[in-house]
Amino acid sequence: MAKLYAYSGSTFSATFTCKDAAGAVVNLTGHTARAMLRPSVSSDTLTLNMAPTIPTPANGIVSITIADETTATIDAGTYHFDVLLDKASDGSVIYLAGGTIVVREQVTRT
């Protein structure tokens, strides 16, 4: 489980690399990624659809970028997330990563 930090009003970025049991990068061609942020694992309240991308499938990397305007709308606190991969060829769902994101308020403001 990952513990990540985001700052309200700042751009948040994270990357996740998909590897097999031997540690080799998995080619993500034919996969789509999804990730959501919620106040608790069991909550029906969606704080944010994190809209992950797979920029270069052969590299096995899933990227999430949340704009500063968006993080500014999220209240400070601890949220839960996971990143899932959907494989189009067989309909399988693969858990890639998950954990918490602690959103902190910025101390320095204009």
C-alpha atoms as a PDB file:
ATOM      1  CA  MET A   1       0.000   0.000   0.000  1.00  0.00           C
ATOM      2  CA  ALA A   2       1.227   3.412  -0.945  1.00  0.00           C
ATOM      3  CA  LYS A   3       0.964   6.525   1.196  1.00  0.00           C
ATOM      4  CA  LEU A   4       1.092   9.588  -1.026  1.00  0.00           C
ATOM      5  CA  TYR A   5       0.816  13.298  -0.283  1.00  0.00           C
ATOM      6  CA  ALA A   6      -0.927  16.053  -2.227  1.00  0.00           C
ATOM      7  CA  TYR A   7      -1.074  19.746  -1.420  1.00  0.00           C
ATOM      8  CA  SER A   8      -4.272  21.702  -1.932  1.00  0.00           C
ATOM      9  CA  GLY A   9      -3.765  24.147  -4.803  1.00  0.00           C
ATOM     10  CA  SER A  10      -0.688  22.339  -6.191  1.00  0.00           C
ATOM     11  CA  THR A  11      -0.443  19.930  -9.104  1.00  0.00           C
ATOM     12  CA  PHE A  12      -0.273  16.305  -7.977  1.00  0.00           C
ATOM     13  CA  SER A  13       1.519  13.698 -10.097  1.00  0.00           C
ATOM     14  CA  ALA A  14       2.184  10.013  -9.547  1.00  0.00           C
ATOM     15  CA  THR A  15       3.374   7.161 -11.750  1.00  0.00           C
ATOM     16  CA  PHE A  16       2.979   3.432 -11.247  1.00  0.00           C
ATOM     17  CA  THR A  17       4.944   0.783 -13.141  1.00  0.00           C
ATOM     18  CA  CYS A  18       3.316  -2.565 -13.854  1.00  0.00           C
ATOM     19  CA  LYS A  19       5.772  -5.462 -13.491  1.00  0.00           C
ATOM     20  CA  ASP A  20       5.381  -9.220 -13.564  1.00  0.00           C
ATOM     21  CA  ALA A  21       6.507 -11.625 -10.819  1.00  0.00           C
ATOM     22  CA  ALA A  22      10.034 -11.690 -12.295  1.00  0.00           C
ATOM     23  CA  GLY A  23      10.273  -7.896 -12.166  1.00  0.00           C
ATOM     24  CA  ALA A  24       9.962  -7.360 -15.923  1.00  0.00           C
ATOM     25  CA  VAL A  25       7.868  -4.439 -17.148  1.00  0.00           C
ATOM     26  CA  VAL A  26       4.452  -5.508 -18.461  1.00  0.00           C
ATOM     27  CA  ASN A  27       3.409  -4.147 -21.860  1.00  0.00           C
ATOM     28  CA  LEU A  28       0.037  -2.458 -21.265  1.00  0.00           C
ATOM     29  CA  THR A  29      -1.097  -2.406 -24.887  1.00  0.00           C
ATOM     30  CA  GLY A  30      -4.808  -3.221 -24.899  1.00  0.00           C
ATOM     31  CA  HIS A  31      -5.300  -2.093 -21.288  1.00  0.00           C
ATOM     32  CA  THR A  32      -7.106   0.921 -19.885  1.00  0.00           C
ATOM     33  CA  ALA A  33      -6.553   2.301 -16.402  1.00  0.00           C
ATOM     34  CA  ARG A  34      -8.978   3.674 -13.853  1.00  0.00           C
ATOM     35  CA  ALA A  35      -8.499   5.161 -10.406  1.00  0.00           C
ATOM     36  CA  MET A  36     -10.789   6.784  -7.895  1.00  0.00           C
ATOM     37  CA  LEU A  37     -10.336   8.765  -4.710  1.00  0.00           C
ATOM     38  CA  ARG A  38     -12.809   8.277  -1.837  1.00  0.00           C
ATOM     39  CA  PRO A  39     -12.974   9.365   1.814  1.00  0.00           C
ATOM     40  CA  SER A  40     -12.950   5.705   2.906  1.00  0.00           C
ATOM     41  CA  VAL A  41     -12.604   2.344   1.197  1.00  0.00           C
ATOM     42  CA  SER A  42     -16.282   1.520   1.663  1.00  0.00           C
ATOM     43  CA  SER A  43     -17.651   4.999   0.918  1.00  0.00           C
ATOM     44  CA  ASP A  44     -20.090   5.521  -1.946  1.00  0.00           C
ATOM     45  CA  THR A  45     -18.935   9.151  -2.097  1.00  0.00           C
ATOM     46  CA  LEU A  46     -16.585   9.763  -4.991  1.00  0.00           C
ATOM     47  CA  THR A  47     -14.143  12.542  -4.170  1.00  0.00           C
ATOM     48  CA  LEU A  48     -12.408  12.401  -7.551  1.00  0.00           C
ATOM     49  CA  ASN A  49     -12.129  10.278 -10.666  1.00  0.00           C
ATOM     50  CA  MET A  50      -8.347  10.433 -10.995  1.00  0.00           C
ATOM     51  CA  ALA A  51      -8.428   9.732 -14.779  1.00  0.00           C
ATOM     52  CA  PRO A  52      -5.141   7.812 -15.116  1.00  0.00           C
ATOM     53  CA  THR A  53      -3.433   7.504 -18.484  1.00  0.00           C
ATOM     54  CA  ILE A  54      -1.091   4.994 -20.089  1.00  0.00           C
ATOM     55  CA  PRO A  55       1.127   7.319 -22.156  1.00  0.00           C
ATOM     56  CA  THR A  56       3.370   4.629 -23.699  1.00  0.00           C
ATOM     57  CA  PRO A  57       1.871   1.158 -23.146  1.00  0.00           C
ATOM     58  CA  ALA A  58       5.137  -0.699 -23.853  1.00  0.00           C
ATOM     59  CA  ASN A  59       6.766   1.047 -20.853  1.00  0.00           C
ATOM     60  CA  GLY A  60       4.171  -0.367 -18.430  1.00  0.00           C
ATOM     61  CA  ILE A  61       3.665   3.008 -16.776  1.00  0.00           C
ATOM     62  CA  VAL A  62       0.353   4.414 -15.573  1.00  0.00           C
ATOM     63  CA  SER A  63       0.337   8.164 -14.868  1.00  0.00           C
ATOM     64  CA  ILE A  64      -1.976  10.276 -12.765  1.00  0.00           C
ATOM     65  CA  THR A  65      -1.877  14.065 -12.855  1.00  0.00           C
ATOM     66  CA  ILE A  66      -4.347  16.206 -10.941  1.00  0.00           C
ATOM     67  CA  ALA A  67      -4.329  19.911 -11.775  1.00  0.00           C
ATOM     68  CA  ASP A  68      -3.807  22.527  -9.082  1.00  0.00           C
ATOM     69  CA  GLU A  69      -7.319  23.882  -9.669  1.00  0.00           C
ATOM     70  CA  THR A  70      -8.701  20.436  -8.849  1.00  0.00           C
ATOM     71  CA  THR A  71      -6.622  19.763  -5.735  1.00  0.00           C
ATOM     72  CA  ALA A  72      -7.757  23.176  -4.451  1.00  0.00           C
ATOM     73  CA  THR A  73     -11.325  21.821  -4.324  1.00  0.00           C
ATOM     74  CA  ILE A  74     -10.444  18.810  -2.127  1.00  0.00           C
ATOM     75  CA  ASP A  75     -10.698  19.285   1.634  1.00  0.00           C
ATOM     76  CA  ALA A  76      -7.602  18.480   3.679  1.00  0.00           C
ATOM     77  CA  GLY A  77      -7.643  14.930   5.019  1.00  0.00           C
ATOM     78  CA  THR A  78      -6.804  11.328   4.271  1.00  0.00           C
ATOM     79  CA  TYR A  79      -8.414   9.675   1.251  1.00  0.00           C
ATOM     80  CA  HIS A  80      -8.238   6.164  -0.192  1.00  0.00           C
ATOM     81  CA  PHE A  81      -7.436   5.242  -3.782  1.00  0.00           C
ATOM     82  CA  ASP A  82      -6.694   2.323  -6.011  1.00  0.00           C
ATOM     83  CA  VAL A  83      -5.464   1.962  -9.578  1.00  0.00           C
ATOM     84  CA  LEU A  84      -6.998  -0.789 -11.695  1.00  0.00           C
ATOM     85  CA  LEU A  85      -6.159  -2.020 -15.170  1.00  0.00           C
ATOM     86  CA  ASP A  86      -8.859  -3.340 -17.472  1.00  0.00           C
ATOM     87  CA  LYS A  87      -7.646  -5.796 -20.111  1.00  0.00           C
ATOM     88  CA  ALA A  88      -9.856  -5.508 -23.185  1.00  0.00           C
ATOM     89  CA  SER A  89      -8.948  -8.894 -24.706  1.00  0.00           C
ATOM     90  CA  ASP A  90     -10.398 -10.995 -21.882  1.00  0.00           C
ATOM     91  CA  GLY A  91     -12.258  -8.530 -19.649  1.00  0.00           C
ATOM     92  CA  SER A  92      -9.972  -9.158 -16.678  1.00  0.00           C
ATOM     93  CA  VAL A  93      -9.312  -6.512 -14.034  1.00  0.00           C
ATOM     94  CA  ILE A  94      -5.840  -6.194 -12.515  1.00  0.00           C
ATOM     95  CA  TYR A  95      -5.103  -4.368  -9.251  1.00  0.00           C
ATOM     96  CA  LEU A  96      -1.975  -2.259  -9.808  1.00  0.00           C
ATOM     97  CA  ALA A  97      -1.699  -0.076  -6.706  1.00  0.00           C
ATOM     98  CA  GLY A  98      -3.635   1.442  -3.876  1.00  0.00           C
ATOM     99  CA  GLY A  99      -3.391   3.124  -0.534  1.00  0.00           C
ATOM    100  CA  THR A 100      -3.965   6.575   0.841  1.00  0.00           C
ATOM    101  CA  ILE A 101      -3.419  10.109  -0.320  1.00  0.00           C
ATOM    102  CA  VAL A 102      -3.066  12.689   2.418  1.00  0.00           C
ATOM    103  CA  VAL A 103      -4.236  16.069   1.173  1.00  0.00           C
ATOM    104  CA  ARG A 104      -2.620  18.928   3.070  1.00  0.00           C
ATOM    105  CA  GLU A 105      -3.404  22.604   2.986  1.00  0.00           C
ATOM    106  CA  GLN A 106      -0.664  24.896   1.732  1.00  0.00           C
ATOM    107  CA  VAL A 107       0.955  27.059   4.361  1.00  0.00           C
ATOM    108  CA  THR A 108       2.368  29.594   1.884  1.00  0.00           C
ATOM    109  CA  ARG A 109      -0.390  31.545   0.155  1.00  0.00           C
ATOM    110  CA  THR A 110      -0.602  34.757  -1.833  1.00  0.00           C
END
